[in-house]
Amino acid sequence: MGVDEGLTPIMQRWIVIGVVAMMLLLGGGGFSYRTYKQHRPHPVWVPLPINPELSDVRRDQIINELKEKLSKPELLIQVSRDVDLVKKWHLASDEEGARKIGERLSVKTGDADTPLGKVPAIHIRMEGNRKESAVTGGILMRLMDEVWKILGVNPPSKKDS
């Protein structure tokens, strides 16, 4: 028998098929992982620090008032229009956008980090996933304009970019 002069054409084909299959598996796995990461929960919230000496009863009254006024359909429809949810979330109408905002919106108690340490806070929160965090953040910022009006407080000045 002769000297082995390398791989036979059949072996070369199997190696090429194996390399292509491995590349497809790695590419598909990478795409799947990226898609998985984009659909993970990513809530966005704004903590409003409150006076630590405020009674629990008064804090609960403020939270209930905020929930009630922020859940009004007229307000949520206007927010949906202002943020253009029909286009961004491919919805049928602003009423559907308002319904989705209402489902995702919550007002709860929590803590906020301040220069003086942790203080009690009211959290205005929108549920969403990582892929749509920019849109949920925009919705929340628009709702914050209403929160300042409801609380009767002048909004903080916006920083120039």
Protein backbone atom coordinates (compact mmCIF):
# COMPACT_ATOMS: atom_id res chain seq x y z
CA MET A 1 0.00 0.00 0.00
CA GLY A 2 1.05 3.59 -0.67
CA VAL A 3 1.92 6.37 1.68
CA ASP A 4 -1.04 8.27 3.17
CA GLU A 5 -1.04 11.60 1.35
CA GLY A 6 -3.67 13.41 3.47
CA LEU A 7 -7.40 13.30 3.87
CA THR A 8 -9.57 11.63 1.33
CA PRO A 9 -12.28 13.69 -0.44
CA ILE A 10 -15.02 11.97 1.57
CA MET A 11 -13.35 12.87 4.88
CA GLN A 12 -12.89 16.46 3.68
CA ARG A 13 -16.60 16.72 2.93
CA TRP A 14 -17.54 15.45 6.39
CA ILE A 15 -15.19 17.97 8.02
CA VAL A 16 -16.71 20.83 6.00
CA ILE A 17 -20.24 19.67 6.89
CA GLY A 18 -19.25 19.49 10.57
CA VAL A 19 -17.75 23.00 10.52
CA VAL A 20 -20.85 24.44 8.80
CA ALA A 21 -23.16 22.69 11.28
CA MET A 22 -21.11 24.02 14.21
CA MET A 23 -21.25 27.57 12.80
CA LEU A 24 -25.03 27.32 12.37
CA LEU A 25 -25.45 26.03 15.94
CA LEU A 26 -23.31 28.81 17.39
CA GLY A 27 -25.07 31.48 15.31
CA GLY A 28 -28.50 30.17 16.25
CA GLY A 29 -27.53 29.95 19.89
CA GLY A 30 -26.23 33.52 19.86
CA PHE A 31 -29.40 34.78 18.21
CA SER A 32 -31.56 32.86 20.70
CA TYR A 33 -29.62 34.23 23.66
CA ARG A 34 -29.91 37.80 22.38
CA THR A 35 -33.66 37.38 21.84
CA TYR A 36 -34.01 35.90 25.33
CA LYS A 37 -32.16 38.86 26.86
CA GLN A 38 -34.32 41.38 24.96
CA HIS A 39 -37.54 39.86 26.34
CA ARG A 40 -36.49 39.72 30.00
CA PRO A 41 -38.47 41.93 32.40
CA HIS A 42 -37.07 45.43 32.71
CA PRO A 43 -39.33 47.67 34.79
CA VAL A 44 -38.74 51.42 34.80
CA TRP A 45 -39.66 53.52 37.83
CA VAL A 46 -39.23 56.96 39.35
CA PRO A 47 -38.79 57.15 43.12
CA LEU A 48 -40.29 60.25 44.72
CA PRO A 49 -38.64 60.80 48.11
CA ILE A 50 -41.11 61.79 50.80
CA ASN A 51 -40.74 63.22 54.26
CA PRO A 52 -39.74 60.39 56.63
CA GLU A 53 -41.91 61.95 59.33
CA LEU A 54 -45.03 61.64 57.15
CA SER A 55 -47.54 59.28 58.75
CA ASP A 56 -48.35 55.95 57.14
CA VAL A 57 -51.99 57.00 56.80
CA ARG A 58 -51.09 60.18 54.90
CA ARG A 59 -48.61 58.30 52.69
CA ASP A 60 -51.29 55.74 51.83
CA GLN A 61 -53.72 58.57 51.02
CA ILE A 62 -51.19 60.10 48.62
CA ILE A 63 -50.57 56.73 46.95
CA ASN A 64 -54.29 56.04 46.55
CA GLU A 65 -54.86 59.53 45.13
CA LEU A 66 -52.02 59.06 42.63
CA LYS A 67 -53.32 55.61 41.60
CA GLU A 68 -56.83 56.93 41.14
CA LYS A 69 -55.89 60.01 39.12
CA LEU A 70 -53.22 58.29 37.01
CA SER A 71 -55.67 55.50 36.11
CA LYS A 72 -58.25 57.80 34.51
CA PRO A 73 -58.89 56.65 30.93
CA GLU A 74 -58.89 60.21 29.55
CA LEU A 75 -55.40 60.83 30.94
CA LEU A 76 -54.05 57.50 29.72
CA ILE A 77 -55.47 58.09 26.23
CA GLN A 78 -53.74 61.49 26.12
CA VAL A 79 -50.47 59.91 27.26
CA SER A 80 -50.83 57.25 24.57
CA ARG A 81 -51.28 60.00 21.96
CA ASP A 82 -48.38 62.07 23.27
CA VAL A 83 -45.99 59.11 23.24
CA ASP A 84 -47.42 57.77 19.93
CA LEU A 85 -48.02 54.25 21.26
CA VAL A 86 -50.24 53.27 18.33
CA LYS A 87 -47.23 53.48 16.04
CA LYS A 88 -44.54 52.26 18.47
CA TRP A 89 -46.43 49.22 19.78
CA HIS A 90 -48.46 48.59 16.58
CA LEU A 91 -51.82 49.00 18.30
CA ALA A 92 -55.28 49.53 16.83
CA SER A 93 -56.15 52.70 18.78
CA ASP A 94 -55.12 55.06 21.56
CA GLU A 95 -57.76 53.42 23.77
CA GLU A 96 -55.88 50.14 23.48
CA GLY A 97 -52.66 51.98 24.31
CA ALA A 98 -54.34 53.50 27.36
CA ARG A 99 -55.49 50.04 28.47
CA LYS A 100 -51.95 48.67 28.15
CA ILE A 101 -50.51 51.60 30.11
CA GLY A 102 -53.11 51.03 32.83
CA GLU A 103 -52.18 47.35 33.06
CA ARG A 104 -48.47 48.12 33.41
CA LEU A 105 -48.65 51.14 35.72
CA SER A 106 -48.27 50.81 39.49
CA VAL A 107 -47.75 53.14 42.42
CA LYS A 108 -46.07 51.64 45.49
CA THR A 109 -44.03 52.53 48.53
CA GLY A 110 -40.33 51.89 48.68
CA ASP A 111 -36.99 53.53 49.43
CA ALA A 112 -34.89 56.02 47.53
CA ASP A 113 -31.17 56.70 47.76
CA THR A 114 -30.43 60.36 48.43
CA PRO A 115 -27.30 62.23 49.47
CA LEU A 116 -28.61 61.94 53.03
CA GLY A 117 -29.01 58.16 52.81
CA LYS A 118 -32.08 55.98 52.26
CA VAL A 119 -35.43 57.69 52.72
CA PRO A 120 -39.00 56.50 52.20
CA ALA A 121 -40.32 57.06 48.70
CA ILE A 122 -43.29 56.58 46.44
CA HIS A 123 -42.41 54.60 43.31
CA ILE A 124 -44.25 55.34 40.07
CA ARG A 125 -43.49 52.21 38.01
CA MET A 126 -44.08 50.90 34.48
CA GLU A 127 -43.60 47.21 33.72
CA GLY A 128 -42.00 46.25 30.46
CA ASN A 129 -39.20 44.26 28.91
CA ARG A 130 -35.68 45.30 28.00
CA LYS A 131 -36.48 45.72 24.30
CA GLU A 132 -39.13 48.36 24.99
CA SER A 133 -37.45 50.11 27.93
CA ALA A 134 -37.02 53.34 25.94
CA VAL A 135 -40.77 53.49 25.24
CA THR A 136 -41.78 52.64 28.82
CA GLY A 137 -39.31 55.26 30.04
CA GLY A 138 -40.93 57.83 27.74
CA ILE A 139 -44.38 56.91 29.01
CA LEU A 140 -43.20 57.25 32.59
CA MET A 141 -41.62 60.65 31.97
CA ARG A 142 -44.87 61.85 30.39
CA LEU A 143 -46.81 60.54 33.39
CA MET A 144 -44.45 62.37 35.73
CA ASP A 145 -45.69 65.67 34.26
CA GLU A 146 -49.13 64.66 35.53
CA VAL A 147 -47.78 63.48 38.90
CA TRP A 148 -46.32 66.92 39.58
CA LYS A 149 -49.69 68.51 38.77
CA ILE A 150 -51.55 66.05 41.01
CA LEU A 151 -49.19 66.67 43.91
CA GLY A 152 -49.25 70.44 43.33
CA VAL A 153 -45.47 70.60 43.20
CA ASN A 154 -43.27 72.43 40.73
CA PRO A 155 -41.34 69.87 38.67
CA PRO A 156 -37.58 69.78 39.08
CA SER A 157 -35.73 71.78 36.45
CA LYS A 158 -34.58 69.73 33.49
CA LYS A 159 -30.85 69.61 32.92
CA ASP A 160 -29.57 70.98 29.63
CA SER A 161 -27.94 68.28 27.56
